[in-house]
Amino acid sequence: MTTNLTKATFLEKVFNFEEHQEWKFEGNKPAIIDFYADWCGPCKMLSPILEQLLEEYKGTIDIYKIDTEVEQELAAAFGIRSIPTMLFCPMNEAPQMASGALPKAELERVIADVLKTEKPL
């Protein structure tokens, strides 16, 4: 199951923007962060796809969710204007962002191209 992040857990597991100006990923494997809200229809459509991907890529990527209604400071820090917005965090490169409920095939392409991760056999 995907993990919801608070500001404190985001600083610890993803990026401590209070200590670092430059991006410094804190995770031990590539991650997708889904900025969402409970009232958002496209977010609800995306959620089961992210759960499937988490299962299919078990142990190779992390998938986190951030409720923009609860964690408004995090949403503001990343300039989230529309939801769902996803932040793709590769291990040693700058993160990339995408807005909208991407189809599963597109998410798999991003996992391969941006996160440089293949499905485990």
Protein backbone atom coordinates (compact mmCIF):
# COMPACT_ATOMS: atom_id res chain seq x y z
CA MET A 1 0.00 0.00 0.00
CA THR A 2 1.23 3.51 -0.79
CA THR A 3 2.45 5.56 2.17
CA ASN A 4 1.08 8.99 3.02
CA LEU A 5 3.77 11.51 3.90
CA THR A 6 3.62 14.39 6.33
CA LYS A 7 6.04 17.28 6.10
CA ALA A 8 8.26 15.60 8.69
CA THR A 9 8.40 12.25 6.87
CA PHE A 10 8.89 14.04 3.53
CA LEU A 11 11.93 15.88 4.91
CA GLU A 12 13.32 12.55 6.14
CA LYS A 13 12.50 10.23 3.19
CA VAL A 14 12.51 12.51 0.13
CA PHE A 15 14.10 15.95 0.38
CA ASN A 16 14.97 18.16 3.34
CA PHE A 17 14.30 21.53 1.72
CA GLU A 18 14.74 23.26 5.07
CA GLU A 19 18.43 22.23 5.19
CA HIS A 20 19.36 22.08 1.50
CA GLN A 21 18.90 24.65 -1.26
CA GLU A 22 19.92 22.19 -3.96
CA TRP A 23 17.97 18.97 -4.53
CA LYS A 24 19.35 16.11 -2.43
CA PHE A 25 17.22 12.97 -2.57
CA GLU A 26 17.11 11.21 0.80
CA GLY A 27 15.54 7.94 -0.39
CA ASN A 28 17.29 4.59 -0.81
CA LYS A 29 15.39 3.73 -4.03
CA PRO A 30 13.68 5.81 -6.73
CA ALA A 31 10.31 7.24 -5.76
CA ILE A 32 7.06 8.63 -7.11
CA ILE A 33 5.32 11.22 -4.98
CA ASP A 34 1.63 11.73 -5.76
CA PHE A 35 0.22 15.11 -4.69
CA TYR A 36 -3.54 14.55 -4.38
CA ALA A 37 -6.74 15.50 -2.54
CA ASP A 38 -9.63 13.30 -1.42
CA TRP A 39 -12.18 15.32 -3.41
CA CYS A 40 -10.23 15.05 -6.70
CA GLY A 41 -11.82 12.69 -9.26
CA PRO A 42 -8.68 12.13 -11.40
CA CYS A 43 -6.72 11.48 -8.18
CA LYS A 44 -9.17 8.70 -7.30
CA MET A 45 -8.70 7.17 -10.77
CA LEU A 46 -4.91 7.30 -10.39
CA SER A 47 -4.79 5.73 -6.93
CA PRO A 48 -5.45 2.06 -7.92
CA ILE A 49 -2.91 2.38 -10.78
CA LEU A 50 -0.26 3.52 -8.30
CA GLU A 51 -1.16 0.60 -6.02
CA GLN A 52 -0.71 -1.82 -8.97
CA LEU A 53 2.65 -0.28 -9.86
CA LEU A 54 3.81 -0.51 -6.25
CA GLU A 55 3.00 -4.23 -6.32
CA GLU A 56 4.54 -4.82 -9.76
CA TYR A 57 7.76 -2.94 -8.90
CA LYS A 58 7.88 -4.26 -5.33
CA GLY A 59 11.21 -3.51 -3.68
CA THR A 60 12.52 -1.40 -6.57
CA ILE A 61 10.60 1.88 -6.13
CA ASP A 62 8.72 3.71 -3.39
CA ILE A 63 5.38 5.39 -4.02
CA TYR A 64 4.29 8.08 -1.60
CA LYS A 65 1.16 10.21 -1.44
CA ILE A 66 0.81 13.74 -0.12
CA ASP A 67 -2.65 15.11 0.69
CA THR A 68 -2.41 18.72 -0.51
CA GLU A 69 -5.31 19.72 1.76
CA VAL A 70 -3.43 18.55 4.86
CA GLU A 71 0.14 19.32 3.79
CA GLN A 72 -0.38 22.75 2.26
CA GLU A 73 3.19 23.83 3.04
CA LEU A 74 4.60 20.91 0.99
CA ALA A 75 2.25 21.65 -1.90
CA ALA A 76 3.33 25.31 -1.82
CA ALA A 77 7.04 24.39 -1.60
CA PHE A 78 6.70 22.50 -4.90
CA GLY A 79 4.37 25.00 -6.55
CA ILE A 80 1.55 22.49 -6.91
CA ARG A 81 -1.22 24.30 -8.81
CA SER A 82 -3.27 21.37 -10.07
CA ILE A 83 -3.76 17.82 -8.89
CA PRO A 84 -2.91 15.10 -9.35
CA THR A 85 0.71 16.14 -9.79
CA MET A 86 3.46 13.57 -9.51
CA LEU A 87 7.07 14.13 -8.59
CA PHE A 88 9.40 11.48 -10.02
CA CYS A 89 12.60 11.14 -7.97
CA PRO A 90 15.45 9.17 -9.58
CA MET A 91 18.41 8.26 -7.38
CA ASN A 92 21.13 10.59 -8.70
CA GLU A 93 19.38 13.09 -10.93
CA ALA A 94 17.04 16.05 -10.55
CA PRO A 95 13.38 15.15 -10.04
CA GLN A 96 10.80 15.62 -12.77
CA MET A 97 7.17 16.61 -12.39
CA ALA A 98 4.07 15.67 -14.34
CA SER A 99 0.51 16.91 -13.90
CA GLY A 100 -2.66 14.97 -14.57
CA ALA A 101 -3.75 11.38 -14.17
CA LEU A 102 -1.27 9.63 -16.45
CA PRO A 103 -2.28 6.25 -17.88
CA LYS A 104 -0.47 3.18 -16.55
CA ALA A 105 1.56 2.70 -19.76
CA GLU A 106 2.86 6.27 -19.51
CA LEU A 107 3.76 5.79 -15.85
CA GLU A 108 5.66 2.61 -16.76
CA ARG A 109 7.57 4.56 -19.42
CA VAL A 110 8.47 7.26 -16.87
CA ILE A 111 9.58 4.59 -14.37
CA ALA A 112 11.89 3.12 -17.04
CA ASP A 113 13.16 6.41 -18.55
CA VAL A 114 13.26 8.79 -15.58
CA LEU A 115 13.60 6.48 -12.58
CA LYS A 116 15.81 4.07 -14.58
CA THR A 117 13.99 1.12 -13.01
CA GLU A 118 12.82 -2.12 -14.58
CA LYS A 119 10.13 -4.48 -13.29
CA PRO A 120 11.64 -7.21 -11.15
CA LEU A 121 11.28 -10.67 -12.67
